[in-house]
């Protein structure tokens, strides 16, 4: 019975992976067609750049949801253990300021090259920009002040670290969580205890007694 239950669960997960990939491919192909048949080089460049960025955000969502929380969900697996360590210590993020500066430097090099080449290399540049933004946004989401610039995304991420670890998988945009039904419930409340854990005491003191995200 247990083996059959596990098989059914895995089959459901695989179907969900296929559904997500199919939806993304439909969006990606649509954007490629727009880029191919658009009348201006500027619009084509922007569409390809957005396509690359969206590709990164989808991969980010998929890896987090299906890789770090499902298929590799077993003790002793390095990827799973590292991710669970982040769940236990939300403010302990391994990406340093040097790494973020390095990725930003890559954007400075890639953007002029993409403009010069004016071809599908722009998709890679957009993808790289998505990765660069992720490396910054994941750190920013764990800062109290980020509620002023990305309240919905931070709210989703707090719930992910709190009561709903199987919801709120995106770091960069809530589009995929919204599209695939993995946003935290609308009625879910963020408690004082959740904030203390998420920000840790040293960053949370000035929030005490103030209205935050509800």
N, C-alpha and C. Protein backbone atom coordinates (compact mmCIF):
# COMPACT_ATOMS: atom_id res chain seq x y z
N UNK A 1 0.83 -1.21 0.00
CA UNK A 1 0.00 0.00 0.00
C UNK A 1 0.86 1.26 0.00
N UNK A 2 1.92 1.26 0.83
CA UNK A 2 2.81 2.41 0.91
C UNK A 2 3.49 2.67 -0.43
N UNK A 3 3.93 1.57 -1.09
CA UNK A 3 4.60 1.71 -2.38
C UNK A 3 3.64 2.30 -3.42
N UNK A 4 2.39 1.85 -3.43
CA UNK A 4 1.40 2.37 -4.35
C UNK A 4 1.11 3.84 -4.09
N UNK A 5 1.05 4.22 -2.80
CA UNK A 5 0.81 5.62 -2.44
C UNK A 5 1.95 6.50 -2.91
N UNK A 6 3.18 6.03 -2.72
CA UNK A 6 4.36 6.78 -3.16
C UNK A 6 4.38 6.91 -4.68
N UNK A 7 4.00 5.83 -5.37
CA UNK A 7 3.96 5.87 -6.84
C UNK A 7 2.93 6.87 -7.33
N UNK A 8 1.75 6.88 -6.68
CA UNK A 8 0.70 7.83 -7.05
C UNK A 8 1.15 9.26 -6.82
N UNK A 9 1.83 9.49 -5.70
CA UNK A 9 2.33 10.83 -5.38
C UNK A 9 3.36 11.28 -6.41
N UNK A 10 4.29 10.39 -6.77
CA UNK A 10 5.31 10.72 -7.76
C UNK A 10 4.69 11.00 -9.13
N UNK A 11 3.69 10.20 -9.48
CA UNK A 11 3.02 10.40 -10.77
C UNK A 11 2.35 11.76 -10.82
N UNK A 12 1.74 12.14 -9.70
CA UNK A 12 1.08 13.45 -9.62
C UNK A 12 2.10 14.57 -9.75
N UNK A 13 3.26 14.41 -9.10
CA UNK A 13 4.32 15.41 -9.18
C UNK A 13 4.85 15.54 -10.61
N UNK A 14 5.02 14.41 -11.29
CA UNK A 14 5.52 14.43 -12.67
C UNK A 14 4.52 15.11 -13.59
N UNK A 15 3.23 14.83 -13.39
CA UNK A 15 2.20 15.50 -14.19
C UNK A 15 2.22 17.01 -13.96
N UNK A 16 2.45 17.40 -12.71
CA UNK A 16 2.49 18.83 -12.39
C UNK A 16 3.72 19.49 -13.02
N UNK A 17 4.85 18.78 -13.02
CA UNK A 17 6.06 19.30 -13.68
C UNK A 17 5.77 19.50 -15.17
N UNK A 18 5.15 18.52 -15.79
CA UNK A 18 4.83 18.62 -17.23
C UNK A 18 3.87 19.76 -17.51
N UNK A 19 2.89 19.96 -16.62
CA UNK A 19 1.94 21.05 -16.80
C UNK A 19 2.64 22.41 -16.73
N UNK A 20 3.53 22.54 -15.76
CA UNK A 20 4.26 23.80 -15.61
C UNK A 20 5.17 24.07 -16.81
N UNK A 21 5.90 23.04 -17.24
CA UNK A 21 6.78 23.20 -18.40
C UNK A 21 5.98 23.53 -19.65
N UNK A 22 4.86 22.85 -19.84
CA UNK A 22 4.03 23.11 -21.01
C UNK A 22 3.51 24.54 -21.03
N UNK A 23 3.10 25.04 -19.87
CA UNK A 23 2.61 26.42 -19.79
C UNK A 23 3.72 27.41 -20.11
N UNK A 24 4.91 27.16 -19.54
CA UNK A 24 6.03 28.05 -19.82
C UNK A 24 6.40 28.03 -21.30
N UNK A 25 6.43 26.84 -21.92
CA UNK A 25 6.79 26.74 -23.33
C UNK A 25 5.80 27.50 -24.20
N UNK A 26 4.53 27.45 -23.85
CA UNK A 26 3.52 28.20 -24.60
C UNK A 26 3.82 29.70 -24.54
N UNK A 27 4.15 30.19 -23.33
CA UNK A 27 4.47 31.61 -23.16
C UNK A 27 5.76 31.96 -23.92
N UNK A 28 6.78 31.09 -23.80
CA UNK A 28 8.07 31.36 -24.44
C UNK A 28 7.94 31.38 -25.96
N UNK A 29 7.21 30.42 -26.51
CA UNK A 29 7.03 30.37 -27.97
C UNK A 29 6.25 31.59 -28.46
N UNK A 30 5.26 31.99 -27.67
CA UNK A 30 4.48 33.18 -28.03
C UNK A 30 5.36 34.42 -28.09
N UNK A 31 6.24 34.57 -27.10
CA UNK A 31 7.16 35.71 -27.08
C UNK A 31 8.15 35.65 -28.24
N UNK A 32 8.62 34.44 -28.55
CA UNK A 32 9.52 34.29 -29.69
C UNK A 32 8.85 34.70 -30.99
N UNK A 33 7.59 34.35 -31.15
CA UNK A 33 6.86 34.72 -32.36
C UNK A 33 6.68 36.23 -32.44
N UNK A 34 6.38 36.85 -31.29
CA UNK A 34 6.26 38.31 -31.26
C UNK A 34 7.58 38.95 -31.66
N UNK A 35 8.69 38.42 -31.11
CA UNK A 35 10.01 38.96 -31.43
C UNK A 35 10.34 38.78 -32.91
N UNK A 36 9.94 37.64 -33.46
CA UNK A 36 10.28 37.34 -34.85
C UNK A 36 9.51 38.21 -35.83
N UNK A 37 8.27 38.52 -35.51
CA UNK A 37 7.42 39.22 -36.48
C UNK A 37 7.17 40.68 -36.12
N UNK A 38 7.82 41.15 -35.05
CA UNK A 38 7.63 42.56 -34.68
C UNK A 38 8.31 43.47 -35.71
N UNK A 39 7.81 44.68 -35.80
CA UNK A 39 8.30 45.56 -36.85
C UNK A 39 9.56 46.34 -36.52
N UNK A 40 9.90 46.48 -35.24
CA UNK A 40 11.04 47.31 -34.89
C UNK A 40 12.11 46.52 -34.16
N UNK A 41 13.37 46.91 -34.39
CA UNK A 41 14.49 46.23 -33.75
C UNK A 41 14.48 46.46 -32.24
N UNK A 42 14.03 47.64 -31.82
CA UNK A 42 14.01 47.96 -30.39
C UNK A 42 13.03 47.07 -29.63
N UNK A 43 11.82 46.91 -30.21
CA UNK A 43 10.81 46.07 -29.56
C UNK A 43 11.28 44.62 -29.54
N UNK A 44 11.87 44.16 -30.63
CA UNK A 44 12.39 42.79 -30.70
C UNK A 44 13.43 42.55 -29.61
N UNK A 45 14.31 43.52 -29.42
CA UNK A 45 15.35 43.41 -28.39
C UNK A 45 14.72 43.30 -27.01
N UNK A 46 13.73 44.13 -26.73
CA UNK A 46 13.09 44.13 -25.41
C UNK A 46 12.33 42.83 -25.16
N UNK A 47 11.64 42.33 -26.20
CA UNK A 47 10.89 41.07 -26.04
C UNK A 47 11.85 39.91 -25.74
N UNK A 48 12.97 39.85 -26.46
CA UNK A 48 13.95 38.78 -26.23
C UNK A 48 14.58 38.91 -24.85
N UNK A 49 14.80 40.14 -24.40
CA UNK A 49 15.36 40.36 -23.08
C UNK A 49 14.38 39.89 -21.99
N UNK A 50 13.12 40.23 -22.17
CA UNK A 50 12.08 39.80 -21.22
C UNK A 50 11.94 38.28 -21.23
N UNK A 51 12.02 37.68 -22.41
CA UNK A 51 11.94 36.22 -22.52
C UNK A 51 13.06 35.56 -21.72
N UNK A 52 14.28 36.09 -21.83
CA UNK A 52 15.39 35.53 -21.07
C UNK A 52 15.18 35.66 -19.58
N UNK A 53 14.70 36.85 -19.18
CA UNK A 53 14.44 37.08 -17.75
C UNK A 53 13.35 36.15 -17.23
N UNK A 54 12.26 36.01 -17.99
CA UNK A 54 11.17 35.11 -17.58
C UNK A 54 11.64 33.67 -17.51
N UNK A 55 12.54 33.29 -18.43
CA UNK A 55 13.08 31.93 -18.40
C UNK A 55 13.81 31.67 -17.10
N UNK A 56 14.61 32.65 -16.66
CA UNK A 56 15.29 32.47 -15.37
C UNK A 56 14.28 32.35 -14.23
N UNK A 57 13.28 33.23 -14.20
CA UNK A 57 12.32 33.20 -13.08
C UNK A 57 11.56 31.88 -13.04
N UNK A 58 11.27 31.31 -14.22
CA UNK A 58 10.60 30.00 -14.25
C UNK A 58 11.52 28.90 -13.74
N UNK A 59 12.78 28.92 -14.17
CA UNK A 59 13.73 27.91 -13.70
C UNK A 59 13.94 28.04 -12.20
N UNK A 60 14.04 29.28 -11.72
CA UNK A 60 14.18 29.53 -10.28
C UNK A 60 13.00 28.92 -9.52
N UNK A 61 11.79 29.18 -9.99
CA UNK A 61 10.57 28.65 -9.37
C UNK A 61 10.58 27.11 -9.40
N UNK A 62 10.90 26.56 -10.57
CA UNK A 62 10.84 25.10 -10.74
C UNK A 62 11.88 24.39 -9.88
N UNK A 63 13.10 24.91 -9.88
CA UNK A 63 14.14 24.28 -9.05
C UNK A 63 13.75 24.31 -7.58
N UNK A 64 13.24 25.45 -7.13
CA UNK A 64 12.86 25.57 -5.72
C UNK A 64 11.71 24.64 -5.37
N UNK A 65 10.70 24.62 -6.23
CA UNK A 65 9.51 23.81 -5.93
C UNK A 65 9.74 22.31 -6.11
N UNK A 66 10.27 21.94 -7.27
CA UNK A 66 10.33 20.51 -7.59
C UNK A 66 11.64 19.85 -7.20
N UNK A 67 12.71 20.63 -7.11
CA UNK A 67 14.01 20.06 -6.81
C UNK A 67 14.32 20.11 -5.32
N UNK A 68 14.16 21.29 -4.72
CA UNK A 68 14.55 21.46 -3.33
C UNK A 68 13.46 21.04 -2.34
N UNK A 69 12.21 20.93 -2.81
CA UNK A 69 11.13 20.59 -1.89
C UNK A 69 10.42 19.29 -2.23
N UNK A 70 10.82 18.60 -3.28
CA UNK A 70 10.12 17.37 -3.63
C UNK A 70 11.07 16.23 -3.97
N UNK A 71 11.63 16.24 -5.18
CA UNK A 71 12.40 15.09 -5.64
C UNK A 71 13.64 14.81 -4.79
N UNK A 72 14.24 15.84 -4.21
CA UNK A 72 15.44 15.64 -3.40
C UNK A 72 15.14 15.79 -1.91
N UNK A 73 13.89 15.61 -1.55
CA UNK A 73 13.49 15.81 -0.16
C UNK A 73 13.82 14.57 0.67
N UNK A 74 15.08 14.46 1.03
CA UNK A 74 15.52 13.33 1.86
C UNK A 74 16.75 13.74 2.65
N UNK A 75 16.80 13.32 3.89
CA UNK A 75 17.95 13.65 4.73
C UNK A 75 19.22 13.01 4.17
N UNK A 76 20.31 13.74 4.27
CA UNK A 76 21.57 13.24 3.75
C UNK A 76 21.88 13.74 2.36
N UNK A 77 20.86 14.30 1.68
CA UNK A 77 21.09 14.90 0.37
C UNK A 77 21.61 16.31 0.58
N UNK A 78 22.75 16.63 -0.02
CA UNK A 78 23.42 17.90 0.24
C UNK A 78 22.56 19.09 -0.16
N UNK A 79 21.91 19.01 -1.32
CA UNK A 79 21.08 20.12 -1.79
C UNK A 79 19.93 20.35 -0.81
N UNK A 80 19.27 19.26 -0.43
CA UNK A 80 18.14 19.37 0.50
C UNK A 80 18.60 19.90 1.85
N UNK A 81 19.71 19.38 2.36
CA UNK A 81 20.21 19.80 3.67
C UNK A 81 20.58 21.28 3.68
N UNK A 82 21.21 21.76 2.60
CA UNK A 82 21.57 23.18 2.51
C UNK A 82 20.33 24.06 2.50
N UNK A 83 19.32 23.62 1.76
CA UNK A 83 18.11 24.42 1.69
C UNK A 83 17.36 24.41 3.02
N UNK A 84 17.33 23.27 3.69
CA UNK A 84 16.67 23.20 4.98
C UNK A 84 17.41 24.02 6.03
N UNK A 85 18.73 24.12 5.89
CA UNK A 85 19.50 24.98 6.79
C UNK A 85 19.08 26.43 6.61
N UNK A 86 18.82 26.83 5.36
CA UNK A 86 18.34 28.19 5.12
C UNK A 86 16.96 28.40 5.73
N UNK A 87 16.12 27.36 5.69
CA UNK A 87 14.80 27.48 6.29
C UNK A 87 14.91 27.64 7.81
N UNK A 88 15.88 26.98 8.41
CA UNK A 88 16.06 27.10 9.86
C UNK A 88 16.74 28.41 10.24
N UNK A 89 17.56 28.94 9.32
CA UNK A 89 18.29 30.20 9.57
C UNK A 89 18.05 31.14 8.38
N UNK A 90 16.89 31.77 8.32
CA UNK A 90 16.50 32.55 7.13
C UNK A 90 17.47 33.65 6.74
N UNK A 91 18.10 34.30 7.72
CA UNK A 91 18.98 35.43 7.38
C UNK A 91 20.40 34.99 7.03
N UNK A 92 20.67 33.69 7.15
CA UNK A 92 21.99 33.17 6.81
C UNK A 92 22.01 32.79 5.33
N UNK A 93 22.35 33.75 4.47
CA UNK A 93 22.35 33.55 3.03
C UNK A 93 23.79 33.50 2.54
N UNK A 94 24.10 32.50 1.74
CA UNK A 94 25.49 32.23 1.36
C UNK A 94 26.03 33.18 0.28
N UNK A 95 25.16 33.91 -0.39
CA UNK A 95 25.62 34.81 -1.45
C UNK A 95 26.21 36.07 -0.81
N UNK A 96 27.47 36.34 -1.09
CA UNK A 96 28.16 37.47 -0.47
C UNK A 96 28.05 38.72 -1.35
N UNK A 97 28.47 39.86 -0.80
CA UNK A 97 28.49 41.11 -1.57
C UNK A 97 29.42 41.01 -2.76
N UNK A 98 30.50 40.27 -2.61
CA UNK A 98 31.44 40.06 -3.73
C UNK A 98 30.76 39.33 -4.87
N UNK A 99 30.01 38.27 -4.55
CA UNK A 99 29.31 37.51 -5.59
C UNK A 99 28.30 38.39 -6.32
N UNK A 100 27.56 39.21 -5.58
CA UNK A 100 26.56 40.08 -6.20
C UNK A 100 27.23 41.12 -7.09
N UNK A 101 28.35 41.66 -6.65
CA UNK A 101 29.09 42.64 -7.47
C UNK A 101 29.61 42.00 -8.74
N UNK A 102 30.06 40.75 -8.61
CA UNK A 102 30.59 40.03 -9.76
C UNK A 102 29.51 39.79 -10.81
N UNK A 103 28.33 39.38 -10.36
CA UNK A 103 27.23 39.13 -11.31
C UNK A 103 26.77 40.44 -11.95
N UNK A 104 26.77 41.53 -11.20
CA UNK A 104 26.39 42.83 -11.76
C UNK A 104 27.40 43.27 -12.81
N UNK A 105 28.68 42.99 -12.58
CA UNK A 105 29.71 43.30 -13.57
C UNK A 105 29.48 42.55 -14.86
N UNK A 106 28.98 41.34 -14.76
CA UNK A 106 28.68 40.56 -15.96
C UNK A 106 27.60 41.22 -16.81
N UNK A 107 26.60 41.83 -16.15
CA UNK A 107 25.54 42.52 -16.88
C UNK A 107 26.11 43.70 -17.67
N UNK A 108 27.04 44.42 -17.06
CA UNK A 108 27.67 45.58 -17.73
C UNK A 108 28.38 45.15 -19.01
N UNK A 109 28.93 43.94 -19.00
CA UNK A 109 29.61 43.44 -20.19
C UNK A 109 28.64 42.88 -21.23
N UNK A 110 27.60 42.20 -20.75
CA UNK A 110 26.70 41.51 -21.66
C UNK A 110 25.73 42.43 -22.40
N UNK A 111 25.27 43.49 -21.74
CA UNK A 111 24.29 44.37 -22.39
C UNK A 111 24.84 45.02 -23.67
N UNK A 112 26.01 45.64 -23.64
CA UNK A 112 26.54 46.22 -24.90
C UNK A 112 26.77 45.17 -25.97
N UNK A 113 27.21 43.98 -25.55
CA UNK A 113 27.44 42.90 -26.52
C UNK A 113 26.13 42.48 -27.17
N UNK A 114 25.06 42.40 -26.38
CA UNK A 114 23.75 42.02 -26.93
C UNK A 114 23.25 43.06 -27.92
N UNK A 115 23.43 44.33 -27.58
CA UNK A 115 23.00 45.40 -28.48
C UNK A 115 23.79 45.34 -29.79
N UNK A 116 25.07 45.06 -29.68
CA UNK A 116 25.93 44.98 -30.87
C UNK A 116 25.55 43.79 -31.75
N UNK A 117 25.37 42.62 -31.14
CA UNK A 117 25.06 41.42 -31.91
C UNK A 117 23.64 41.46 -32.47
N UNK A 118 22.70 41.99 -31.67
CA UNK A 118 21.30 42.13 -32.08
C UNK A 118 20.73 40.82 -32.61
N UNK A 119 20.87 39.76 -31.82
CA UNK A 119 20.31 38.46 -32.20
C UNK A 119 19.80 37.73 -30.95
N UNK A 120 19.68 36.42 -31.05
CA UNK A 120 19.10 35.67 -29.94
C UNK A 120 20.03 35.55 -28.73
N UNK A 121 21.24 36.08 -28.83
CA UNK A 121 22.11 36.17 -27.67
C UNK A 121 21.46 37.04 -26.58
N UNK A 122 20.56 37.90 -27.00
CA UNK A 122 19.84 38.77 -26.06
C UNK A 122 19.05 37.95 -25.04
N UNK A 123 18.57 36.78 -25.47
CA UNK A 123 17.83 35.91 -24.54
C UNK A 123 18.74 35.48 -23.39
N UNK A 124 19.98 35.13 -23.71
CA UNK A 124 20.94 34.75 -22.67
C UNK A 124 21.20 35.92 -21.72
N UNK A 125 21.32 37.12 -22.29
CA UNK A 125 21.56 38.30 -21.45
C UNK A 125 20.39 38.52 -20.49
N UNK A 126 19.17 38.37 -20.99
CA UNK A 126 17.99 38.50 -20.13
C UNK A 126 17.99 37.44 -19.04
N UNK A 127 18.38 36.22 -19.41
CA UNK A 127 18.49 35.13 -18.44
C UNK A 127 19.50 35.47 -17.35
N UNK A 128 20.63 36.00 -17.78
CA UNK A 128 21.69 36.37 -16.83
C UNK A 128 21.24 37.51 -15.92
N UNK A 129 20.51 38.47 -16.48
CA UNK A 129 19.98 39.56 -15.67
C UNK A 129 19.03 39.00 -14.61
N UNK A 130 18.21 38.02 -14.99
CA UNK A 130 17.32 37.37 -14.04
C UNK A 130 18.10 36.74 -12.89
N UNK A 131 19.19 36.07 -13.23
CA UNK A 131 20.03 35.45 -12.20
C UNK A 131 20.65 36.51 -11.30
N UNK A 132 21.12 37.61 -11.91
CA UNK A 132 21.72 38.69 -11.12
C UNK A 132 20.71 39.30 -10.16
N UNK A 133 19.49 39.54 -10.65
CA UNK A 133 18.45 40.11 -9.79
C UNK A 133 18.07 39.16 -8.67
N UNK A 134 18.02 37.86 -8.99
CA UNK A 134 17.72 36.86 -7.95
C UNK A 134 18.74 36.92 -6.83
N UNK A 135 20.02 37.02 -7.18
CA UNK A 135 21.07 37.03 -6.16
C UNK A 135 20.95 38.23 -5.23
N UNK A 136 20.33 39.30 -5.74
CA UNK A 136 20.12 40.49 -4.91
C UNK A 136 18.78 40.43 -4.19
N UNK A 137 17.73 40.03 -4.91
CA UNK A 137 16.39 40.04 -4.35
C UNK A 137 16.24 39.08 -3.18
N UNK A 138 16.88 37.92 -3.24
CA UNK A 138 16.74 36.97 -2.13
C UNK A 138 17.29 37.56 -0.84
N UNK A 139 18.34 38.35 -0.94
CA UNK A 139 18.89 39.02 0.24
C UNK A 139 17.94 40.14 0.68
N UNK A 140 17.46 40.93 -0.28
CA UNK A 140 16.58 42.06 0.03
C UNK A 140 15.29 41.59 0.69
N UNK A 141 14.75 40.45 0.26
CA UNK A 141 13.51 39.94 0.81
C UNK A 141 13.61 39.65 2.31
N UNK A 142 14.83 39.45 2.79
CA UNK A 142 15.02 39.18 4.21
C UNK A 142 15.37 40.44 5.01
N UNK A 143 15.15 41.61 4.38
CA UNK A 143 15.33 42.89 5.06
C UNK A 143 13.96 43.50 5.34
N UNK A 144 13.74 44.05 6.54
CA UNK A 144 12.41 44.61 6.87
C UNK A 144 11.93 45.67 5.89
N UNK A 145 12.86 46.50 5.37
CA UNK A 145 12.45 47.60 4.51
C UNK A 145 11.96 47.17 3.14
N UNK A 146 12.17 45.90 2.77
CA UNK A 146 11.74 45.47 1.44
C UNK A 146 10.22 45.43 1.31
N UNK A 147 9.51 45.50 2.43
CA UNK A 147 8.04 45.52 2.35
C UNK A 147 7.52 46.77 1.65
N UNK A 148 8.36 47.80 1.57
CA UNK A 148 7.95 49.05 0.92
C UNK A 148 8.07 48.96 -0.60
N UNK A 149 8.94 48.08 -1.10
CA UNK A 149 9.17 48.03 -2.55
C UNK A 149 8.63 46.75 -3.19
N UNK A 150 8.45 45.68 -2.42
CA UNK A 150 7.91 44.43 -2.97
C UNK A 150 7.09 43.72 -1.89
N UNK A 151 6.01 44.34 -1.42
CA UNK A 151 5.24 43.79 -0.29
C UNK A 151 4.66 42.41 -0.55
N UNK A 152 4.09 42.17 -1.73
CA UNK A 152 3.47 40.87 -2.01
C UNK A 152 4.50 39.75 -2.07
N UNK A 153 5.64 40.05 -2.69
CA UNK A 153 6.69 39.03 -2.80
C UNK A 153 7.28 38.70 -1.43
N UNK A 154 7.50 39.74 -0.60
CA UNK A 154 8.04 39.47 0.73
C UNK A 154 7.03 38.72 1.59
N UNK A 155 5.77 39.10 1.49
CA UNK A 155 4.72 38.41 2.24
C UNK A 155 4.70 36.92 1.89
N UNK A 156 4.78 36.62 0.59
CA UNK A 156 4.80 35.23 0.14
C UNK A 156 6.02 34.49 0.70
N UNK A 157 7.17 35.17 0.71
CA UNK A 157 8.40 34.53 1.17
C UNK A 157 8.38 34.31 2.68
N UNK A 158 7.79 35.22 3.42
CA UNK A 158 7.65 35.03 4.88
C UNK A 158 6.79 33.80 5.16
N UNK A 159 5.69 33.67 4.43
CA UNK A 159 4.83 32.49 4.61
C UNK A 159 5.58 31.21 4.23
N UNK A 160 6.43 31.29 3.20
CA UNK A 160 7.20 30.11 2.79
C UNK A 160 8.12 29.65 3.91
N UNK A 161 8.73 30.60 4.62
CA UNK A 161 9.61 30.26 5.73
C UNK A 161 8.84 29.96 7.01
N UNK A 162 7.55 30.27 7.00
CA UNK A 162 6.75 30.07 8.20
C UNK A 162 5.87 28.84 8.12
N UNK A 163 4.58 29.08 7.91
CA UNK A 163 3.59 28.01 8.00
C UNK A 163 3.39 27.26 6.69
N UNK A 164 3.83 27.85 5.57
CA UNK A 164 3.53 27.26 4.26
C UNK A 164 4.81 27.00 3.45
N UNK A 165 5.64 26.04 3.85
CA UNK A 165 6.88 25.78 3.09
C UNK A 165 6.62 25.23 1.69
N UNK A 166 5.40 24.72 1.44
CA UNK A 166 5.07 24.22 0.11
C UNK A 166 4.26 25.23 -0.70
N UNK A 167 4.40 26.49 -0.34
CA UNK A 167 3.81 27.60 -1.09
C UNK A 167 4.86 28.71 -1.20
N UNK A 168 4.66 29.61 -2.13
CA UNK A 168 5.55 30.77 -2.25
C UNK A 168 6.97 30.42 -2.66
N UNK A 169 7.14 29.79 -3.81
CA UNK A 169 8.45 29.30 -4.22
C UNK A 169 9.29 30.34 -4.97
N UNK A 170 8.67 31.40 -5.47
CA UNK A 170 9.41 32.38 -6.28
C UNK A 170 10.15 33.39 -5.42
N UNK A 171 11.32 33.79 -5.87
CA UNK A 171 12.09 34.86 -5.23
C UNK A 171 11.97 36.16 -6.01
N UNK A 172 11.79 36.09 -7.31
CA UNK A 172 11.87 37.25 -8.18
C UNK A 172 10.52 37.85 -8.58
N UNK A 173 9.49 37.01 -8.67
CA UNK A 173 8.19 37.46 -9.16
C UNK A 173 7.15 36.44 -8.70
N UNK A 174 5.94 36.91 -8.36
CA UNK A 174 4.91 35.98 -7.89
C UNK A 174 4.10 35.39 -9.04
N UNK A 175 4.46 35.73 -10.28
CA UNK A 175 3.70 35.27 -11.45
C UNK A 175 3.50 33.77 -11.45
N UNK A 176 4.59 33.01 -11.28
CA UNK A 176 4.49 31.55 -11.40
C UNK A 176 3.72 30.95 -10.23
N UNK A 177 3.90 31.47 -9.03
CA UNK A 177 3.10 30.98 -7.89
C UNK A 177 1.62 31.25 -8.13
N UNK A 178 1.32 32.41 -8.68
CA UNK A 178 -0.08 32.75 -8.98
C UNK A 178 -0.62 31.84 -10.09
N UNK A 179 0.16 31.64 -11.13
CA UNK A 179 -0.29 30.87 -12.28
C UNK A 179 -0.48 29.38 -11.95
N UNK A 180 0.38 28.85 -11.09
CA UNK A 180 0.33 27.42 -10.79
C UNK A 180 -0.30 27.10 -9.44
N UNK A 181 -0.93 28.10 -8.83
CA UNK A 181 -1.71 27.85 -7.62
C UNK A 181 -0.89 27.56 -6.38
N UNK A 182 0.30 28.14 -6.26
CA UNK A 182 1.13 27.88 -5.09
C UNK A 182 1.36 29.14 -4.24
N UNK A 183 0.51 30.15 -4.41
CA UNK A 183 0.58 31.29 -3.50
C UNK A 183 0.03 30.88 -2.14
N UNK A 184 0.54 31.46 -1.05
CA UNK A 184 -0.06 31.20 0.27
C UNK A 184 -1.53 31.62 0.26
N UNK A 185 -2.38 31.02 1.10
CA UNK A 185 -3.80 31.40 1.14
C UNK A 185 -3.99 32.89 1.43
N UNK A 186 -4.98 33.50 0.80
CA UNK A 186 -5.22 34.93 0.99
C UNK A 186 -5.53 35.27 2.44
N UNK A 187 -6.18 34.34 3.13
CA UNK A 187 -6.58 34.61 4.51
C UNK A 187 -5.46 34.38 5.52
N UNK A 188 -4.32 33.87 5.04
CA UNK A 188 -3.20 33.57 5.95
C UNK A 188 -2.66 34.85 6.58
N UNK A 189 -2.40 34.81 7.87
CA UNK A 189 -1.89 35.96 8.61
C UNK A 189 -0.42 35.76 8.98
N UNK A 190 0.30 36.86 8.97
CA UNK A 190 1.70 36.83 9.40
C UNK A 190 1.74 37.27 10.87
N UNK A 191 2.21 36.39 11.72
CA UNK A 191 2.21 36.65 13.16
C UNK A 191 3.52 37.30 13.60
N UNK A 192 3.49 37.83 14.82
CA UNK A 192 4.69 38.41 15.40
C UNK A 192 5.80 37.37 15.52
N UNK A 193 5.42 36.16 15.87
CA UNK A 193 6.40 35.07 16.02
C UNK A 193 7.07 34.77 14.68
N UNK A 194 6.30 34.77 13.61
CA UNK A 194 6.86 34.52 12.28
C UNK A 194 7.85 35.60 11.90
N UNK A 195 7.53 36.86 12.22
CA UNK A 195 8.44 37.97 11.91
C UNK A 195 9.74 37.86 12.70
N UNK A 196 9.63 37.50 13.96
CA UNK A 196 10.83 37.35 14.79
C UNK A 196 11.75 36.28 14.24
N UNK A 197 11.15 35.19 13.78
CA UNK A 197 11.96 34.10 13.21
C UNK A 197 12.55 34.51 11.87
N UNK A 198 11.75 35.16 11.04
CA UNK A 198 12.17 35.50 9.68
C UNK A 198 13.27 36.55 9.66
N UNK A 199 13.15 37.58 10.48
CA UNK A 199 14.13 38.67 10.50
C UNK A 199 15.20 38.49 11.57
N UNK A 200 14.92 37.62 12.54
CA UNK A 200 15.78 37.45 13.71
C UNK A 200 15.66 38.67 14.62
N UNK A 201 15.92 38.48 15.90
CA UNK A 201 15.67 39.52 16.89
C UNK A 201 16.40 40.82 16.59
N UNK A 202 17.67 40.73 16.16
CA UNK A 202 18.45 41.95 15.98
C UNK A 202 17.89 42.86 14.91
N UNK A 203 17.18 42.31 13.89
CA UNK A 203 16.62 43.13 12.84
C UNK A 203 15.15 43.40 13.07
N UNK A 204 14.58 42.73 14.06
CA UNK A 204 13.14 42.81 14.25
C UNK A 204 12.75 43.77 15.35
N UNK A 205 13.70 44.20 16.20
CA UNK A 205 13.38 45.02 17.36
C UNK A 205 12.60 46.27 17.00
N UNK A 206 13.03 46.95 15.92
CA UNK A 206 12.37 48.21 15.58
C UNK A 206 10.99 48.02 14.99
N UNK A 207 10.61 46.75 14.70
CA UNK A 207 9.28 46.48 14.16
C UNK A 207 8.28 46.19 15.25
N UNK A 208 8.77 45.95 16.45
CA UNK A 208 7.89 45.55 17.54
C UNK A 208 6.82 46.61 17.79
N UNK A 209 5.58 46.17 17.82
CA UNK A 209 4.48 47.09 18.09
C UNK A 209 3.99 47.84 16.88
N UNK A 210 4.61 47.63 15.71
CA UNK A 210 4.19 48.32 14.51
C UNK A 210 3.41 47.37 13.60
N UNK A 211 2.46 47.92 12.89
CA UNK A 211 1.72 47.09 11.95
C UNK A 211 2.61 46.72 10.79
N UNK A 212 2.62 45.42 10.46
CA UNK A 212 3.49 44.96 9.37
C UNK A 212 2.59 44.41 8.27
N UNK A 213 2.91 43.24 7.77
CA UNK A 213 2.13 42.62 6.71
C UNK A 213 1.04 41.75 7.30
N UNK A 214 -0.16 41.91 6.85
CA UNK A 214 -1.27 41.12 7.37
C UNK A 214 -1.88 40.30 6.23
